[in-house]
Amino acid sequence: QAMGMDVQMVPGKGPTFPEPLKEPEDLQRLQTKVDVGKELGYVFKAITLTRHKIEGKVPLIGFTGAPWTLMSYMIEGGGSNTHSKAKRWLYRHPESSHMLLRMLTDVIVEYLLGQVAAGAQALQVFESHAGILGPVEFKEFSLPYLRDIARRVKDKLKEAGQDVPMIVFAKDAHYGVEDLSQSNYEVVGLDWTIDPRSARHIGPTAVWEKNQKAELAPPVVSLNEQISDIVKRMLEGFGTRGYIANLGHGLYPDMDPENVGAFVEAVHQHSKQMIKQM
């Protein structure tokens, strides 16, 4: 939106672009020099308001979509199962793809810095569509920009005497976990398909954030016990060091809030027991 594209949030469908990018020439439609404060000031105001309202009870996390994920939306015109149009750009127009990814990276850096100035106490970068890419494409069209975002944001914050932890979550990029653990982020988010023990082996000193889908467990007798068992296995896989339990890649409308509550309660319960046994 800040770069000049019309973005609409359609109920039941999500972000929609009525006029998506079709050819490299369409990049000329985009604003290359974006005044983030002017274009996205309403986001910063919302962050500041939220920071005041929560009164320090919990940390406030700012977030952004990553360049490849945003690029795929801009080309597909919205969500997609195959992302074939966006992937076609990578193969047919690699130079234009990198141009767009660099443009997005520049705006994202300023956007995240603006969120910190507005009150965000941590930042998360979502590469939601990482799993659409193969290992080779991920290393060329995603990873360099994820690293660049972290480096530039941290450098700017350091100049201002600030230090804000950053989280990177590349959904379904199991092949890139080791690279992500060395990409200048304090925390690496893992999706629910990655075994905790294998992640520990890859990055023994990294802080992991496990995105668990335990709250999707089917409605059966003793549902809370089933969720509790899933959480227990998850926690035991990571151990007691450098680990954050998370509720997955967002909550779906059909999720029962009571199941989500059972998940959170189980995390606290089993974590305390594991710490006592240390």
C-alpha atoms as a PDB file:
ATOM      1  CA  GLN A   1       0.000   0.000   0.000  1.00  0.00           C
ATOM      2  CA  ALA A   2       2.782   2.411   0.910  1.00  0.00           C
ATOM      3  CA  MET A   3       4.391   1.729  -2.469  1.00  0.00           C
ATOM      4  CA  GLY A   4       1.263   2.800  -4.350  1.00  0.00           C
ATOM      5  CA  MET A   5      -0.694  -0.419  -4.816  1.00  0.00           C
ATOM      6  CA  ASP A   6      -4.358  -0.743  -3.915  1.00  0.00           C
ATOM      7  CA  VAL A   7      -4.690  -3.306  -1.116  1.00  0.00           C
ATOM      8  CA  GLN A   8      -8.100  -4.417   0.106  1.00  0.00           C
ATOM      9  CA  MET A   9      -8.878  -6.697   3.049  1.00  0.00           C
ATOM     10  CA  VAL A  10     -11.729  -8.842   1.731  1.00  0.00           C
ATOM     11  CA  PRO A  11     -13.706 -10.744   4.418  1.00  0.00           C
ATOM     12  CA  GLY A  12     -13.118 -14.475   4.165  1.00  0.00           C
ATOM     13  CA  LYS A  13     -10.414 -13.978   1.554  1.00  0.00           C
ATOM     14  CA  GLY A  14      -7.704 -11.806   3.110  1.00  0.00           C
ATOM     15  CA  PRO A  15      -5.462  -9.227   1.425  1.00  0.00           C
ATOM     16  CA  THR A  16      -6.458  -8.654  -2.192  1.00  0.00           C
ATOM     17  CA  PHE A  17      -4.767  -6.596  -4.934  1.00  0.00           C
ATOM     18  CA  PRO A  18      -7.301  -5.574  -7.623  1.00  0.00           C
ATOM     19  CA  GLU A  19      -4.456  -4.597  -9.980  1.00  0.00           C
ATOM     20  CA  PRO A  20      -1.567  -7.022  -9.391  1.00  0.00           C
ATOM     21  CA  LEU A  21       1.843  -6.779 -11.048  1.00  0.00           C
ATOM     22  CA  LYS A  22       1.820  -8.721 -14.335  1.00  0.00           C
ATOM     23  CA  GLU A  23       5.000  -7.725 -16.159  1.00  0.00           C
ATOM     24  CA  PRO A  24       8.333  -6.178 -15.099  1.00  0.00           C
ATOM     25  CA  GLU A  25       7.186  -2.907 -16.665  1.00  0.00           C
ATOM     26  CA  ASP A  26       4.564  -2.696 -13.921  1.00  0.00           C
ATOM     27  CA  LEU A  27       7.314  -1.953 -11.415  1.00  0.00           C
ATOM     28  CA  GLN A  28       7.266   1.585 -12.779  1.00  0.00           C
ATOM     29  CA  ARG A  29       3.870   1.997 -11.087  1.00  0.00           C
ATOM     30  CA  LEU A  30       5.478   1.617  -7.676  1.00  0.00           C
ATOM     31  CA  GLN A  31       6.795   4.424  -5.507  1.00  0.00           C
ATOM     32  CA  THR A  32      10.528   3.960  -5.027  1.00  0.00           C
ATOM     33  CA  LYS A  33      10.971   6.656  -2.405  1.00  0.00           C
ATOM     34  CA  VAL A  34       8.382   6.036   0.271  1.00  0.00           C
ATOM     35  CA  ASP A  35       7.659   8.360   3.187  1.00  0.00           C
ATOM     36  CA  VAL A  36       6.852   5.575   5.630  1.00  0.00           C
ATOM     37  CA  GLY A  37       5.756   7.963   8.366  1.00  0.00           C
ATOM     38  CA  LYS A  38       3.215   9.546   6.039  1.00  0.00           C
ATOM     39  CA  GLU A  39       1.966   6.396   4.321  1.00  0.00           C
ATOM     40  CA  LEU A  40       1.896   4.077   7.355  1.00  0.00           C
ATOM     41  CA  GLY A  41       1.530   6.562  10.197  1.00  0.00           C
ATOM     42  CA  TYR A  42      -1.778   4.980  11.224  1.00  0.00           C
ATOM     43  CA  VAL A  43       0.082   1.751  12.055  1.00  0.00           C
ATOM     44  CA  PHE A  44       2.536   3.602  14.273  1.00  0.00           C
ATOM     45  CA  LYS A  45      -0.303   5.394  16.061  1.00  0.00           C
ATOM     46  CA  ALA A  46      -1.996   2.043  16.699  1.00  0.00           C
ATOM     47  CA  ILE A  47       1.244   0.613  18.125  1.00  0.00           C
ATOM     48  CA  THR A  48       1.698   3.555  20.482  1.00  0.00           C
ATOM     49  CA  LEU A  49      -1.924   3.334  21.613  1.00  0.00           C
ATOM     50  CA  THR A  50      -1.593  -0.407  22.218  1.00  0.00           C
ATOM     51  CA  ARG A  51       1.681   0.040  24.134  1.00  0.00           C
ATOM     52  CA  HIS A  52      -0.052   2.470  26.496  1.00  0.00           C
ATOM     53  CA  LYS A  53      -3.150   0.310  26.891  1.00  0.00           C
ATOM     54  CA  ILE A  54      -1.284  -2.884  27.865  1.00  0.00           C
ATOM     55  CA  GLU A  55       0.511  -0.933  30.615  1.00  0.00           C
ATOM     56  CA  GLY A  56       3.654  -3.056  30.510  1.00  0.00           C
ATOM     57  CA  LYS A  57       1.822  -6.298  31.293  1.00  0.00           C
ATOM     58  CA  VAL A  58       3.204  -8.072  28.209  1.00  0.00           C
ATOM     59  CA  PRO A  59       5.823  -7.156  25.584  1.00  0.00           C
ATOM     60  CA  LEU A  60       4.517  -5.626  22.376  1.00  0.00           C
ATOM     61  CA  ILE A  61       5.785  -7.336  19.222  1.00  0.00           C
ATOM     62  CA  GLY A  62       5.838  -5.488  15.900  1.00  0.00           C
ATOM     63  CA  PHE A  63       5.867  -7.449  12.659  1.00  0.00           C
ATOM     64  CA  THR A  64       6.109  -7.343   8.901  1.00  0.00           C
ATOM     65  CA  GLY A  65       5.778  -9.662   5.975  1.00  0.00           C
ATOM     66  CA  ALA A  66       9.134 -10.529   4.359  1.00  0.00           C
ATOM     67  CA  PRO A  67      10.059  -9.374   0.830  1.00  0.00           C
ATOM     68  CA  TRP A  68       9.360 -12.640  -1.024  1.00  0.00           C
ATOM     69  CA  THR A  69       6.027 -13.109   0.745  1.00  0.00           C
ATOM     70  CA  LEU A  70       4.926  -9.564  -0.084  1.00  0.00           C
ATOM     71  CA  MET A  71       6.190  -9.923  -3.654  1.00  0.00           C
ATOM     72  CA  SER A  72       4.108 -13.052  -4.173  1.00  0.00           C
ATOM     73  CA  TYR A  73       0.971 -11.266  -2.947  1.00  0.00           C
ATOM     74  CA  MET A  74       1.656  -8.318  -5.255  1.00  0.00           C
ATOM     75  CA  ILE A  75       1.954 -10.591  -8.277  1.00  0.00           C
ATOM     76  CA  GLU A  76      -0.689 -13.204  -7.458  1.00  0.00           C
ATOM     77  CA  GLY A  77      -3.227 -10.564  -6.462  1.00  0.00           C
ATOM     78  CA  GLY A  78      -3.894 -12.311  -3.140  1.00  0.00           C
ATOM     79  CA  GLY A  79      -3.507 -15.706  -1.544  1.00  0.00           C
ATOM     80  CA  SER A  80      -2.605 -18.689  -3.719  1.00  0.00           C
ATOM     81  CA  ASN A  81      -2.049 -22.427  -3.342  1.00  0.00           C
ATOM     82  CA  THR A  82       0.606 -22.663  -6.042  1.00  0.00           C
ATOM     83  CA  HIS A  83       2.039 -19.127  -6.303  1.00  0.00           C
ATOM     84  CA  SER A  84       2.768 -20.060  -9.911  1.00  0.00           C
ATOM     85  CA  LYS A  85       2.626 -16.483 -11.198  1.00  0.00           C
ATOM     86  CA  ALA A  86       5.099 -15.219  -8.619  1.00  0.00           C
ATOM     87  CA  LYS A  87       7.449 -18.173  -9.128  1.00  0.00           C
ATOM     88  CA  ARG A  88       7.300 -17.620 -12.868  1.00  0.00           C
ATOM     89  CA  TRP A  89       8.707 -14.133 -12.253  1.00  0.00           C
ATOM     90  CA  LEU A  90      11.695 -15.598 -10.422  1.00  0.00           C
ATOM     91  CA  TYR A  91      12.577 -17.811 -13.387  1.00  0.00           C
ATOM     92  CA  ARG A  92      11.648 -15.500 -16.261  1.00  0.00           C
ATOM     93  CA  HIS A  93      12.569 -12.149 -14.739  1.00  0.00           C
ATOM     94  CA  PRO A  94      15.287 -12.702 -12.113  1.00  0.00           C
ATOM     95  CA  GLU A  95      16.692  -9.176 -12.419  1.00  0.00           C
ATOM     96  CA  SER A  96      13.282  -7.563 -12.030  1.00  0.00           C
ATOM     97  CA  SER A  97      12.522  -9.934  -9.164  1.00  0.00           C
ATOM     98  CA  HIS A  98      15.627  -8.813  -7.307  1.00  0.00           C
ATOM     99  CA  MET A  99      14.754  -5.201  -8.062  1.00  0.00           C
ATOM    100  CA  LEU A 100      11.334  -5.618  -6.491  1.00  0.00           C
ATOM    101  CA  LEU A 101      12.758  -7.513  -3.517  1.00  0.00           C
ATOM    102  CA  ARG A 102      15.282  -4.730  -2.898  1.00  0.00           C
ATOM    103  CA  MET A 103      12.534  -2.109  -3.113  1.00  0.00           C
ATOM    104  CA  LEU A 104      10.466  -4.021  -0.573  1.00  0.00           C
ATOM    105  CA  THR A 105      13.458  -4.513   1.708  1.00  0.00           C
ATOM    106  CA  ASP A 106      14.122  -0.760   1.782  1.00  0.00           C
ATOM    107  CA  VAL A 107      10.559   0.004   2.839  1.00  0.00           C
ATOM    108  CA  ILE A 108      10.436  -2.872   5.352  1.00  0.00           C
ATOM    109  CA  VAL A 109      13.561  -1.611   7.120  1.00  0.00           C
ATOM    110  CA  GLU A 110      12.043   1.857   7.572  1.00  0.00           C
ATOM    111  CA  TYR A 111       8.696   0.307   8.538  1.00  0.00           C
ATOM    112  CA  LEU A 112      10.279  -1.777  11.318  1.00  0.00           C
ATOM    113  CA  LEU A 113      12.317   1.149  12.597  1.00  0.00           C
ATOM    114  CA  GLY A 114       9.111   3.189  12.710  1.00  0.00           C
ATOM    115  CA  GLN A 115       7.434   0.461  14.748  1.00  0.00           C
ATOM    116  CA  VAL A 116      10.237   0.512  17.307  1.00  0.00           C
ATOM    117  CA  ALA A 117      10.023   4.305  17.548  1.00  0.00           C
ATOM    118  CA  ALA A 118       6.269   3.918  18.091  1.00  0.00           C
ATOM    119  CA  GLY A 119       6.733   1.474  20.975  1.00  0.00           C
ATOM    120  CA  ALA A 120       7.337  -2.052  19.628  1.00  0.00           C
ATOM    121  CA  GLN A 121       9.657  -3.963  21.975  1.00  0.00           C
ATOM    122  CA  ALA A 122      10.483  -6.841  19.630  1.00  0.00           C
ATOM    123  CA  LEU A 123      10.139  -7.405  15.885  1.00  0.00           C
ATOM    124  CA  GLN A 124       9.104 -10.451  13.869  1.00  0.00           C
ATOM    125  CA  VAL A 125       9.611 -10.953  10.132  1.00  0.00           C
ATOM    126  CA  PHE A 126       7.190 -13.448   8.542  1.00  0.00           C
ATOM    127  CA  GLU A 127       8.331 -15.265   5.405  1.00  0.00           C
ATOM    128  CA  SER A 128       4.967 -16.985   5.195  1.00  0.00           C
ATOM    129  CA  HIS A 129       5.508 -18.244   1.645  1.00  0.00           C
ATOM    130  CA  ALA A 130       9.025 -19.634   2.119  1.00  0.00           C
ATOM    131  CA  GLY A 131       7.776 -23.180   1.605  1.00  0.00           C
ATOM    132  CA  ILE A 132       6.778 -22.368  -1.963  1.00  0.00           C
ATOM    133  CA  LEU A 133      10.475 -22.036  -2.798  1.00  0.00           C
ATOM    134  CA  GLY A 134      13.025 -24.821  -3.111  1.00  0.00           C
ATOM    135  CA  PRO A 135      16.372 -24.651  -1.272  1.00  0.00           C
ATOM    136  CA  VAL A 136      18.177 -23.011  -4.209  1.00  0.00           C
ATOM    137  CA  GLU A 137      15.487 -20.374  -4.774  1.00  0.00           C
ATOM    138  CA  PHE A 138      15.238 -19.703  -1.037  1.00  0.00           C
ATOM    139  CA  LYS A 139      18.958 -18.934  -0.820  1.00  0.00           C
ATOM    140  CA  GLU A 140      18.745 -16.582  -3.785  1.00  0.00           C
ATOM    141  CA  PHE A 141      15.416 -14.804  -3.412  1.00  0.00           C
ATOM    142  CA  SER A 142      14.609 -14.938   0.302  1.00  0.00           C
ATOM    143  CA  LEU A 143      17.535 -15.496   2.655  1.00  0.00           C
ATOM    144  CA  PRO A 144      19.721 -12.560   1.492  1.00  0.00           C
ATOM    145  CA  TYR A 145      16.884 -10.107   2.060  1.00  0.00           C
ATOM    146  CA  LEU A 146      15.987 -11.570   5.455  1.00  0.00           C
ATOM    147  CA  ARG A 147      19.604 -11.122   6.503  1.00  0.00           C
ATOM    148  CA  ASP A 148      19.747  -7.630   5.063  1.00  0.00           C
ATOM    149  CA  ILE A 149      16.664  -6.553   6.996  1.00  0.00           C
ATOM    150  CA  ALA A 150      18.102  -7.758  10.307  1.00  0.00           C
ATOM    151  CA  ARG A 151      21.512  -6.191   9.681  1.00  0.00           C
ATOM    152  CA  ARG A 152      20.187  -2.794   8.605  1.00  0.00           C
ATOM    153  CA  VAL A 153      17.570  -2.537  11.351  1.00  0.00           C
ATOM    154  CA  LYS A 154      20.109  -3.468  14.024  1.00  0.00           C
ATOM    155  CA  ASP A 155      22.709  -1.047  12.673  1.00  0.00           C
ATOM    156  CA  LYS A 156      20.217   1.818  12.724  1.00  0.00           C
ATOM    157  CA  LEU A 157      19.002   0.948  16.212  1.00  0.00           C
ATOM    158  CA  LYS A 158      22.575   0.690  17.444  1.00  0.00           C
ATOM    159  CA  GLU A 159      23.266   4.210  16.185  1.00  0.00           C
ATOM    160  CA  ALA A 160      20.349   5.380  18.325  1.00  0.00           C
ATOM    161  CA  GLY A 161      21.581   3.416  21.343  1.00  0.00           C
ATOM    162  CA  GLN A 162      18.764   0.872  21.087  1.00  0.00           C
ATOM    163  CA  ASP A 163      18.697  -2.916  20.968  1.00  0.00           C
ATOM    164  CA  VAL A 164      15.478  -4.723  20.063  1.00  0.00           C
ATOM    165  CA  PRO A 165      15.303  -8.528  19.666  1.00  0.00           C
ATOM    166  CA  MET A 166      14.242  -9.802  16.243  1.00  0.00           C
ATOM    167  CA  ILE A 167      12.455 -13.008  15.261  1.00  0.00           C
ATOM    168  CA  VAL A 168      12.437 -14.609  11.820  1.00  0.00           C
ATOM    169  CA  PHE A 169       9.804 -17.159  10.810  1.00  0.00           C
ATOM    170  CA  ALA A 170      10.129 -18.814   7.408  1.00  0.00           C
ATOM    171  CA  LYS A 171       7.159 -21.174   7.213  1.00  0.00           C
ATOM    172  CA  ASP A 172       7.884 -24.630   5.751  1.00  0.00           C
ATOM    173  CA  ALA A 173      11.553 -23.764   5.080  1.00  0.00           C
ATOM    174  CA  HIS A 174      12.873 -26.822   6.919  1.00  0.00           C
ATOM    175  CA  TYR A 175      15.805 -26.933   4.498  1.00  0.00           C
ATOM    176  CA  GLY A 176      16.882 -23.448   5.596  1.00  0.00           C
ATOM    177  CA  VAL A 177      16.840 -23.828   9.385  1.00  0.00           C
ATOM    178  CA  GLU A 178      20.628 -23.841   9.735  1.00  0.00           C
ATOM    179  CA  ASP A 179      21.021 -20.755   7.541  1.00  0.00           C
ATOM    180  CA  LEU A 180      18.249 -18.987   9.438  1.00  0.00           C
ATOM    181  CA  SER A 181      19.950 -19.738  12.766  1.00  0.00           C
ATOM    182  CA  GLN A 182      22.935 -17.732  11.468  1.00  0.00           C
ATOM    183  CA  SER A 183      21.000 -14.849   9.906  1.00  0.00           C
ATOM    184  CA  ASN A 184      21.416 -12.166  12.620  1.00  0.00           C
ATOM    185  CA  TYR A 185      18.069 -12.824  14.316  1.00  0.00           C
ATOM    186  CA  GLU A 186      17.873 -13.575  18.032  1.00  0.00           C
ATOM    187  CA  VAL A 187      15.033 -16.046  17.561  1.00  0.00           C
ATOM    188  CA  VAL A 188      14.179 -18.495  14.771  1.00  0.00           C
ATOM    189  CA  GLY A 189      10.535 -19.530  14.448  1.00  0.00           C
ATOM    190  CA  LEU A 190       9.866 -23.146  13.505  1.00  0.00           C
ATOM    191  CA  ASP A 191       6.653 -24.455  12.027  1.00  0.00           C
ATOM    192  CA  TRP A 192       4.881 -27.556  13.353  1.00  0.00           C
ATOM    193  CA  THR A 193       6.467 -29.911  10.794  1.00  0.00           C
ATOM    194  CA  ILE A 194       9.996 -29.590  12.213  1.00  0.00           C
ATOM    195  CA  ASP A 195      11.127 -32.017  14.904  1.00  0.00           C
ATOM    196  CA  PRO A 196      12.413 -30.105  17.963  1.00  0.00           C
ATOM    197  CA  ARG A 197      15.360 -32.433  18.520  1.00  0.00           C
ATOM    198  CA  SER A 198      16.642 -32.013  14.981  1.00  0.00           C
ATOM    199  CA  ALA A 199      16.482 -28.228  15.368  1.00  0.00           C
ATOM    200  CA  ARG A 200      18.431 -28.435  18.613  1.00  0.00           C
ATOM    201  CA  HIS A 201      21.104 -30.465  16.809  1.00  0.00           C
ATOM    202  CA  ILE A 202      21.391 -27.880  14.032  1.00  0.00           C
ATOM    203  CA  GLY A 203      21.529 -24.807  16.223  1.00  0.00           C
ATOM    204  CA  PRO A 204      22.440 -25.776  19.793  1.00  0.00           C
ATOM    205  CA  THR A 205      22.953 -22.144  20.854  1.00  0.00           C
ATOM    206  CA  ALA A 206      19.988 -20.642  19.003  1.00  0.00           C
ATOM    207  CA  VAL A 207      16.726 -19.564  20.575  1.00  0.00           C
ATOM    208  CA  TRP A 208      13.839 -21.364  18.918  1.00  0.00           C
ATOM    209  CA  GLU A 209      10.181 -20.433  18.712  1.00  0.00           C
ATOM    210  CA  LYS A 210       7.964 -23.436  18.048  1.00  0.00           C
ATOM    211  CA  ASN A 211       4.709 -22.706  16.240  1.00  0.00           C
ATOM    212  CA  GLN A 212       2.511 -25.532  17.471  1.00  0.00           C
ATOM    213  CA  LYS A 213      -0.912 -26.456  16.135  1.00  0.00           C
ATOM    214  CA  ALA A 214      -2.015 -28.354  19.222  1.00  0.00           C
ATOM    215  CA  GLU A 215      -5.147 -26.235  19.466  1.00  0.00           C
ATOM    216  CA  LEU A 216      -6.374 -27.860  16.232  1.00  0.00           C
ATOM    217  CA  ALA A 217      -6.712 -31.241  17.928  1.00  0.00           C
ATOM    218  CA  PRO A 218     -10.013 -32.942  16.996  1.00  0.00           C
ATOM    219  CA  PRO A 219     -12.893 -32.742  19.463  1.00  0.00           C
ATOM    220  CA  VAL A 220     -12.660 -36.008  21.389  1.00  0.00           C
ATOM    221  CA  VAL A 221     -13.140 -37.072  24.985  1.00  0.00           C
ATOM    222  CA  SER A 222     -10.511 -35.530  27.315  1.00  0.00           C
ATOM    223  CA  LEU A 223      -9.516 -32.979  24.723  1.00  0.00           C
ATOM    224  CA  ASN A 224      -7.566 -30.961  27.280  1.00  0.00           C
ATOM    225  CA  GLU A 225      -5.566 -34.069  28.162  1.00  0.00           C
ATOM    226  CA  GLN A 226      -4.786 -34.662  24.512  1.00  0.00           C
ATOM    227  CA  ILE A 227      -3.590 -31.083  24.073  1.00  0.00           C
ATOM    228  CA  SER A 228      -1.581 -31.409  27.266  1.00  0.00           C
ATOM    229  CA  ASP A 229       0.145 -34.543  25.965  1.00  0.00           C
ATOM    230  CA  ILE A 230       1.021 -32.843  22.672  1.00  0.00           C
ATOM    231  CA  VAL A 231       2.450 -29.845  24.494  1.00  0.00           C
ATOM    232  CA  LYS A 232       4.435 -32.086  26.857  1.00  0.00           C
ATOM    233  CA  ARG A 233       6.095 -33.890  23.943  1.00  0.00           C
ATOM    234  CA  MET A 234       6.848 -30.578  22.261  1.00  0.00           C
ATOM    235  CA  LEU A 235       8.477 -29.111  25.370  1.00  0.00           C
ATOM    236  CA  GLU A 236      10.479 -32.245  26.093  1.00  0.00           C
ATOM    237  CA  GLY A 237      11.851 -32.121  22.568  1.00  0.00           C
ATOM    238  CA  PHE A 238      13.340 -28.697  23.153  1.00  0.00           C
ATOM    239  CA  GLY A 239      14.286 -28.918  26.795  1.00  0.00           C
ATOM    240  CA  THR A 240      14.423 -25.974  29.169  1.00  0.00           C
ATOM    241  CA  ARG A 241      16.891 -23.678  27.409  1.00  0.00           C
ATOM    242  CA  GLY A 242      16.255 -20.954  24.826  1.00  0.00           C
ATOM    243  CA  TYR A 243      12.740 -21.872  23.729  1.00  0.00           C
ATOM    244  CA  ILE A 244       9.482 -19.981  23.125  1.00  0.00           C
ATOM    245  CA  ALA A 245       6.154 -21.758  22.657  1.00  0.00           C
ATOM    246  CA  ASN A 246       3.925 -20.134  20.060  1.00  0.00           C
ATOM    247  CA  LEU A 247       0.387 -20.680  18.792  1.00  0.00           C
ATOM    248  CA  GLY A 248       1.239 -21.293  15.182  1.00  0.00           C
ATOM    249  CA  HIS A 249       0.973 -19.162  12.066  1.00  0.00           C
ATOM    250  CA  GLY A 250      -2.026 -17.289  13.377  1.00  0.00           C
ATOM    251  CA  LEU A 251      -5.362 -18.534  14.705  1.00  0.00           C
ATOM    252  CA  TYR A 252      -8.078 -19.711  12.344  1.00  0.00           C
ATOM    253  CA  PRO A 253     -11.697 -18.525  12.773  1.00  0.00           C
ATOM    254  CA  ASP A 254     -12.926 -22.041  13.582  1.00  0.00           C
ATOM    255  CA  MET A 255     -10.575 -22.547  16.531  1.00  0.00           C
ATOM    256  CA  ASP A 256     -12.191 -22.941  19.937  1.00  0.00           C
ATOM    257  CA  PRO A 257     -10.785 -20.316  22.350  1.00  0.00           C
ATOM    258  CA  GLU A 258     -11.015 -22.894  25.154  1.00  0.00           C
ATOM    259  CA  ASN A 259      -8.588 -25.149  23.279  1.00  0.00           C
ATOM    260  CA  VAL A 260      -6.187 -22.243  22.862  1.00  0.00           C
ATOM    261  CA  GLY A 261      -6.460 -21.604  26.602  1.00  0.00           C
ATOM    262  CA  ALA A 262      -5.744 -25.269  27.309  1.00  0.00           C
ATOM    263  CA  PHE A 263      -2.627 -25.018  25.159  1.00  0.00           C
ATOM    264  CA  VAL A 264      -1.299 -21.996  27.051  1.00  0.00           C
ATOM    265  CA  GLU A 265      -2.114 -23.571  30.419  1.00  0.00           C
ATOM    266  CA  ALA A 266      -0.330 -26.792  29.430  1.00  0.00           C
ATOM    267  CA  VAL A 267       2.782 -24.856  28.380  1.00  0.00           C
ATOM    268  CA  HIS A 268       2.978 -23.212  31.814  1.00  0.00           C
ATOM    269  CA  GLN A 269       2.213 -26.422  33.686  1.00  0.00           C
ATOM    270  CA  HIS A 270       4.752 -28.657  31.950  1.00  0.00           C
ATOM    271  CA  SER A 271       7.406 -25.948  31.790  1.00  0.00           C
ATOM    272  CA  LYS A 272       7.282 -25.490  35.568  1.00  0.00           C
ATOM    273  CA  GLN A 273       7.531 -29.244  36.113  1.00  0.00           C
ATOM    274  CA  MET A 274      10.513 -29.546  33.773  1.00  0.00           C
ATOM    275  CA  ILE A 275      12.333 -26.679  35.484  1.00  0.00           C
ATOM    276  CA  LYS A 276      11.756 -28.252  38.920  1.00  0.00           C
ATOM    277  CA  GLN A 277      13.322 -31.488  37.658  1.00  0.00           C
ATOM    278  CA  MET A 278      16.505 -29.782  36.472  1.00  0.00           C
END
